[in-house]
PDB file of N, CA and C in Angstrom:
ATOM      1  N   MET A   1      11.913  -0.053 -17.886  1.00  0.00           N
ATOM      2  CA  MET A   1      12.077  -1.263 -17.025  1.00  0.00           C
ATOM      3  C   MET A   1      11.334  -1.082 -15.656  1.00  0.00           C
ATOM      4  N   CYS A   2      10.432  -2.024 -15.318  1.00  0.00           N
ATOM      5  CA  CYS A   2       9.606  -1.853 -14.135  1.00  0.00           C
ATOM      6  C   CYS A   2      10.405  -2.455 -12.999  1.00  0.00           C
ATOM      7  N   ASP A   3      10.011  -1.808 -11.782  1.00  0.00           N
ATOM      8  CA  ASP A   3      10.758  -2.233 -10.435  1.00  0.00           C
ATOM      9  C   ASP A   3       9.641  -2.337  -9.326  1.00  0.00           C
ATOM     10  N   VAL A   4       9.160  -3.348  -9.177  1.00  0.00           N
ATOM     11  CA  VAL A   4       8.133  -3.706  -8.173  1.00  0.00           C
ATOM     12  C   VAL A   4       8.646  -3.293  -6.842  1.00  0.00           C
ATOM     13  N   ARG A   5       9.864  -3.289  -6.413  1.00  0.00           N
ATOM     14  CA  ARG A   5      10.465  -2.825  -5.217  1.00  0.00           C
ATOM     15  C   ARG A   5      10.119  -1.459  -5.079  1.00  0.00           C
ATOM     16  N   LYS A   6      10.480  -0.470  -6.057  1.00  0.00           N
ATOM     17  CA  LYS A   6      10.242   0.836  -5.815  1.00  0.00           C
ATOM     18  C   LYS A   6       8.663   1.220  -5.740  1.00  0.00           C
ATOM     19  N   ILE A   7       7.991   0.542  -6.706  1.00  0.00           N
ATOM     20  CA  ILE A   7       6.538   0.813  -6.633  1.00  0.00           C
ATOM     21  C   ILE A   7       5.934   0.362  -5.284  1.00  0.00           C
ATOM     22  N   SER A   8       6.286  -0.815  -4.714  1.00  0.00           N
ATOM     23  CA  SER A   8       5.768  -1.167  -3.433  1.00  0.00           C
ATOM     24  C   SER A   8       6.285  -0.272  -2.364  1.00  0.00           C
ATOM     25  N   GLU A   9       7.562   0.278  -2.394  1.00  0.00           N
ATOM     26  CA  GLU A   9       7.971   1.316  -1.305  1.00  0.00           C
ATOM     27  C   GLU A   9       7.146   2.472  -1.386  1.00  0.00           C
ATOM     28  N   VAL A  10       7.037   3.007  -2.441  1.00  0.00           N
ATOM     29  CA  VAL A  10       6.190   4.274  -2.551  1.00  0.00           C
ATOM     30  C   VAL A  10       4.741   3.928  -2.018  1.00  0.00           C
ATOM     31  N   LEU A  11       4.057   2.953  -2.447  1.00  0.00           N
ATOM     32  CA  LEU A  11       2.792   2.673  -1.910  1.00  0.00           C
ATOM     33  C   LEU A  11       2.790   2.338  -0.473  1.00  0.00           C
ATOM     34  N   VAL A  12       3.689   1.775   0.123  1.00  0.00           N
ATOM     35  CA  VAL A  12       3.567   1.754   1.523  1.00  0.00           C
ATOM     36  C   VAL A  12       3.746   3.066   2.277  1.00  0.00           C
ATOM     37  N   LYS A  13       4.806   3.742   1.753  1.00  0.00           N
ATOM     38  CA  LYS A  13       5.092   5.207   2.339  1.00  0.00           C
ATOM     39  C   LYS A  13       3.830   6.051   2.304  1.00  0.00           C
ATOM     40  N   PHE A  14       3.201   5.929   0.984  1.00  0.00           N
ATOM     41  CA  PHE A  14       1.894   6.690   0.873  1.00  0.00           C
ATOM     42  C   PHE A  14       0.917   6.275   1.862  1.00  0.00           C
ATOM     43  N   GLN A  15       0.696   4.886   2.014  1.00  0.00           N
ATOM     44  CA  GLN A  15      -0.365   4.177   2.749  1.00  0.00           C
ATOM     45  C   GLN A  15      -0.133   4.784   4.129  1.00  0.00           C
ATOM     46  N   ASN A  16       1.263   4.770   4.777  1.00  0.00           N
ATOM     47  CA  ASN A  16       1.491   5.251   6.196  1.00  0.00           C
ATOM     48  C   ASN A  16       1.116   6.603   6.316  1.00  0.00           C
ATOM     49  N   PHE A  17       1.271   7.446   5.138  1.00  0.00           N
ATOM     50  CA  PHE A  17       1.088   8.850   5.263  1.00  0.00           C
ATOM     51  C   PHE A  17      -0.394   9.214   5.419  1.00  0.00           C
ATOM     52  N   VAL A  18      -1.039   8.499   4.445  1.00  0.00           N
ATOM     53  CA  VAL A  18      -2.626   8.663   4.430  1.00  0.00           C
ATOM     54  C   VAL A  18      -3.266   8.070   5.799  1.00  0.00           C
ATOM     55  N   ASP A  19      -2.690   6.944   6.219  1.00  0.00           N
ATOM     56  CA  ASP A  19      -3.201   6.406   7.638  1.00  0.00           C
ATOM     57  C   ASP A  19      -2.963   7.384   8.696  1.00  0.00           C
ATOM     58  N   PHE A  20      -1.894   8.047   8.730  1.00  0.00           N
ATOM     59  CA  PHE A  20      -1.662   9.071   9.687  1.00  0.00           C
ATOM     60  C   PHE A  20      -2.591  10.272   9.538  1.00  0.00           C
ATOM     61  N   CYS A  21      -2.802  10.871   8.371  1.00  0.00           N
ATOM     62  CA  CYS A  21      -3.650  11.994   8.156  1.00  0.00           C
ATOM     63  C   CYS A  21      -5.187  11.502   8.654  1.00  0.00           C
ATOM     64  N   TYR A  22      -5.540  10.359   8.232  1.00  0.00           N
ATOM     65  CA  TYR A  22      -6.930   9.911   8.419  1.00  0.00           C
ATOM     66  C   TYR A  22      -7.162   9.620  10.009  1.00  0.00           C
ATOM     67  N   LYS A  23      -6.178   9.135  10.575  1.00  0.00           N
ATOM     68  CA  LYS A  23      -6.261   9.000  12.105  1.00  0.00           C
ATOM     69  C   LYS A  23      -6.375  10.333  12.825  1.00  0.00           C
ATOM     70  N   LYS A  24      -5.671  11.297  12.318  1.00  0.00           N
ATOM     71  CA  LYS A  24      -5.862  12.595  13.107  1.00  0.00           C
ATOM     72  C   LYS A  24      -7.112  13.239  12.739  1.00  0.00           C
ATOM     73  N   THR A  25      -7.637  13.051  11.438  1.00  0.00           N
ATOM     74  CA  THR A  25      -8.888  13.564  11.099  1.00  0.00           C
ATOM     75  C   THR A  25     -10.093  12.882  11.694  1.00  0.00           C
ATOM     76  N   TYR A  26     -10.222  11.568  11.640  1.00  0.00           N
ATOM     77  CA  TYR A  26     -11.282  10.727  11.777  1.00  0.00           C
ATOM     78  C   TYR A  26     -11.274   9.828  13.179  1.00  0.00           C
ATOM     79  N   GLY A  27     -10.171   9.726  13.601  1.00  0.00           N
ATOM     80  CA  GLY A  27      -9.945   8.782  14.743  1.00  0.00           C
ATOM     81  C   GLY A  27      -9.158   7.473  14.369  1.00  0.00           C
ATOM     82  N   GLU A  28      -8.759   6.768  15.279  1.00  0.00           N
ATOM     83  CA  GLU A  28      -8.043   5.569  15.255  1.00  0.00           C
ATOM     84  C   GLU A  28      -8.786   4.569  14.348  1.00  0.00           C
ATOM     85  N   ASN A  29      -9.895   4.069  14.627  1.00  0.00           N
ATOM     86  CA  ASN A  29     -10.535   2.944  14.089  1.00  0.00           C
ATOM     87  C   ASN A  29     -11.980   3.388  13.227  1.00  0.00           C
ATOM     88  N   SER A  30     -11.751   4.525  12.439  1.00  0.00           N
ATOM     89  CA  SER A  30     -12.909   5.108  11.826  1.00  0.00           C
ATOM     90  C   SER A  30     -13.291   4.145  10.698  1.00  0.00           C
ATOM     91  N   LEU A  31     -14.411   4.168  10.174  1.00  0.00           N
ATOM     92  CA  LEU A  31     -14.847   3.303   9.051  1.00  0.00           C
ATOM     93  C   LEU A  31     -14.018   3.984   7.825  1.00  0.00           C
ATOM     94  N   GLU A  32     -13.873   5.232   7.753  1.00  0.00           N
ATOM     95  CA  GLU A  32     -13.274   5.726   6.428  1.00  0.00           C
ATOM     96  C   GLU A  32     -11.773   5.142   6.316  1.00  0.00           C
ATOM     97  N   ILE A  33     -11.106   5.263   7.493  1.00  0.00           N
ATOM     98  CA  ILE A  33      -9.636   4.784   7.414  1.00  0.00           C
ATOM     99  C   ILE A  33      -9.589   3.207   7.094  1.00  0.00           C
ATOM    100  N   MET A  34     -10.532   2.510   7.623  1.00  0.00           N
ATOM    101  CA  MET A  34     -10.643   1.020   7.234  1.00  0.00           C
ATOM    102  C   MET A  34     -10.950   0.826   5.692  1.00  0.00           C
ATOM    103  N   LEU A  35     -11.741   1.556   5.198  1.00  0.00           N
ATOM    104  CA  LEU A  35     -12.106   1.440   3.728  1.00  0.00           C
ATOM    105  C   LEU A  35     -10.890   1.864   2.885  1.00  0.00           C
ATOM    106  N   LEU A  36     -10.265   3.102   3.250  1.00  0.00           N
ATOM    107  CA  LEU A  36      -9.005   3.542   2.666  1.00  0.00           C
ATOM    108  C   LEU A  36      -8.037   2.489   2.611  1.00  0.00           C
ATOM    109  N   ARG A  37      -7.617   1.948   3.931  1.00  0.00           N
ATOM    110  CA  ARG A  37      -6.585   1.011   3.922  1.00  0.00           C
ATOM    111  C   ARG A  37      -6.704  -0.263   3.066  1.00  0.00           C
ATOM    112  N   SER A  38      -8.038  -0.694   2.838  1.00  0.00           N
ATOM    113  CA  SER A  38      -8.408  -1.682   2.249  1.00  0.00           C
ATOM    114  C   SER A  38      -8.213  -1.370   0.720  1.00  0.00           C
ATOM    115  N   LYS A  39      -8.463  -0.268   0.379  1.00  0.00           N
ATOM    116  CA  LYS A  39      -8.357   0.137  -1.260  1.00  0.00           C
ATOM    117  C   LYS A  39      -6.855   0.302  -1.363  1.00  0.00           C
ATOM    118  N   LEU A  40      -6.062   0.797  -0.511  1.00  0.00           N
ATOM    119  CA  LEU A  40      -4.477   0.953  -0.825  1.00  0.00           C
ATOM    120  C   LEU A  40      -3.983  -0.415  -0.757  1.00  0.00           C
ATOM    121  N   GLN A  41      -4.448  -1.362  -0.101  1.00  0.00           N
ATOM    122  CA  GLN A  41      -3.929  -2.800   0.007  1.00  0.00           C
ATOM    123  C   GLN A  41      -4.387  -3.311  -1.331  1.00  0.00           C
ATOM    124  N   ASP A  42      -5.569  -3.164  -1.805  1.00  0.00           N
ATOM    125  CA  ASP A  42      -5.902  -3.718  -3.080  1.00  0.00           C
ATOM    126  C   ASP A  42      -4.998  -3.139  -4.297  1.00  0.00           C
ATOM    127  N   LEU A  43      -4.813  -1.885  -4.241  1.00  0.00           N
ATOM    128  CA  LEU A  43      -3.897  -1.345  -5.165  1.00  0.00           C
ATOM    129  C   LEU A  43      -2.533  -1.827  -5.292  1.00  0.00           C
ATOM    130  N   PHE A  44      -1.902  -2.073  -3.955  1.00  0.00           N
ATOM    131  CA  PHE A  44      -0.643  -2.719  -3.813  1.00  0.00           C
ATOM    132  C   PHE A  44      -0.724  -3.929  -4.584  1.00  0.00           C
ATOM    133  N   ASN A  45      -1.787  -4.818  -4.166  1.00  0.00           N
ATOM    134  CA  ASN A  45      -1.649  -6.223  -4.618  1.00  0.00           C
ATOM    135  C   ASN A  45      -1.733  -6.265  -6.082  1.00  0.00           C
ATOM    136  N   GLU A  46      -2.557  -5.344  -6.657  1.00  0.00           N
ATOM    137  CA  GLU A  46      -2.769  -5.245  -8.188  1.00  0.00           C
ATOM    138  C   GLU A  46      -1.374  -4.914  -8.762  1.00  0.00           C
ATOM    139  N   TYR A  47      -0.654  -4.056  -8.110  1.00  0.00           N
ATOM    140  CA  TYR A  47       0.690  -3.795  -8.734  1.00  0.00           C
ATOM    141  C   TYR A  47       1.571  -4.828  -8.646  1.00  0.00           C
ATOM    142  N   LYS A  48       1.558  -5.572  -7.564  1.00  0.00           N
ATOM    143  CA  LYS A  48       2.374  -6.811  -7.090  1.00  0.00           C
ATOM    144  C   LYS A  48       2.158  -7.723  -8.132  1.00  0.00           C
ATOM    145  N   ASP A  49       0.890  -8.084  -8.306  1.00  0.00           N
ATOM    146  CA  ASP A  49       0.346  -9.271  -9.385  1.00  0.00           C
ATOM    147  C   ASP A  49       0.745  -8.683 -10.823  1.00  0.00           C
ATOM    148  N   LYS A  50       0.670  -7.544 -11.123  1.00  0.00           N
ATOM    149  CA  LYS A  50       0.877  -7.136 -12.413  1.00  0.00           C
ATOM    150  C   LYS A  50       2.323  -7.160 -12.912  1.00  0.00           C
ATOM    151  N   PHE A  51       3.120  -6.693 -12.032  1.00  0.00           N
ATOM    152  CA  PHE A  51       4.636  -6.561 -12.271  1.00  0.00           C
ATOM    153  C   PHE A  51       5.420  -7.627 -11.494  1.00  0.00           C
ATOM    154  N   SER A  52       5.048  -8.668 -11.040  1.00  0.00           N
ATOM    155  CA  SER A  52       5.743  -9.617 -10.411  1.00  0.00           C
ATOM    156  C   SER A  52       6.800 -10.396 -11.316  1.00  0.00           C
ATOM    157  N   HIS A  53       6.387 -10.425 -12.723  1.00  0.00           N
ATOM    158  CA  HIS A  53       7.355 -11.020 -13.563  1.00  0.00           C
ATOM    159  C   HIS A  53       8.485 -10.076 -13.808  1.00  0.00           C
ATOM    160  N   CYS A  54       8.542  -8.869 -13.392  1.00  0.00           N
ATOM    161  CA  CYS A  54       9.558  -7.890 -13.732  1.00  0.00           C
ATOM    162  C   CYS A  54      10.787  -8.002 -12.733  1.00  0.00           C
ATOM    163  N   ALA A  55      10.302  -8.186 -11.476  1.00  0.00           N
ATOM    164  CA  ALA A  55      11.439  -8.220 -10.377  1.00  0.00           C
ATOM    165  C   ALA A  55      10.927  -8.980  -9.065  1.00  0.00           C
ATOM    166  N   GLN A  56      11.632  -9.479  -8.368  1.00  0.00           N
ATOM    167  CA  GLN A  56      11.129 -10.179  -7.072  1.00  0.00           C
ATOM    168  C   GLN A  56      10.687  -9.105  -6.173  1.00  0.00           C
ATOM    169  N   VAL A  57       9.529  -9.377  -5.585  1.00  0.00           N
ATOM    170  CA  VAL A  57       8.929  -8.513  -4.450  1.00  0.00           C
ATOM    171  C   VAL A  57       9.706  -9.032  -3.147  1.00  0.00           C
ATOM    172  N   PRO A  58      10.157  -7.911  -2.386  1.00  0.00           N
ATOM    173  CA  PRO A  58      10.912  -8.135  -1.253  1.00  0.00           C
ATOM    174  C   PRO A  58      10.097  -8.838  -0.252  1.00  0.00           C
ATOM    175  N   PRO A  59      10.565  -9.864   0.530  1.00  0.00           N
ATOM    176  CA  PRO A  59       9.657 -10.469   1.562  1.00  0.00           C
ATOM    177  C   PRO A  59       8.874  -9.463   2.660  1.00  0.00           C
ATOM    178  N   SER A  60       9.621  -8.419   2.827  1.00  0.00           N
ATOM    179  CA  SER A  60       8.852  -7.368   3.734  1.00  0.00           C
ATOM    180  C   SER A  60       7.615  -6.889   3.143  1.00  0.00           C
ATOM    181  N   CYS A  61       7.440  -7.050   1.737  1.00  0.00           N
ATOM    182  CA  CYS A  61       6.306  -6.389   1.190  1.00  0.00           C
ATOM    183  C   CYS A  61       5.201  -7.370   0.992  1.00  0.00           C
ATOM    184  N   ARG A  62       5.514  -8.611   1.208  1.00  0.00           N
ATOM    185  CA  ARG A  62       4.532  -9.761   0.893  1.00  0.00           C
ATOM    186  C   ARG A  62       3.526  -9.920   2.145  1.00  0.00           C
ATOM    187  N   LYS A  63       2.277 -10.088   1.987  1.00  0.00           N
ATOM    188  CA  LYS A  63       1.278 -10.179   2.980  1.00  0.00           C
ATOM    189  C   LYS A  63       0.416 -11.356   2.679  1.00  0.00           C
TER     190      LYS A  63
END
């Protein structure tokens, strides 16, 4: 059974952790962090689209 809510929570937590690490390493608005943030958002959207038929995505996760 798939659960989009759990997947989205893990992706959001992972994105926050990676954002923190990249900010410490490269600075607040570096190109690397912007590219990584974009890739993580794309990954999240792909999971959301792929598994949206399994469960409702919480409103806090929609963008």
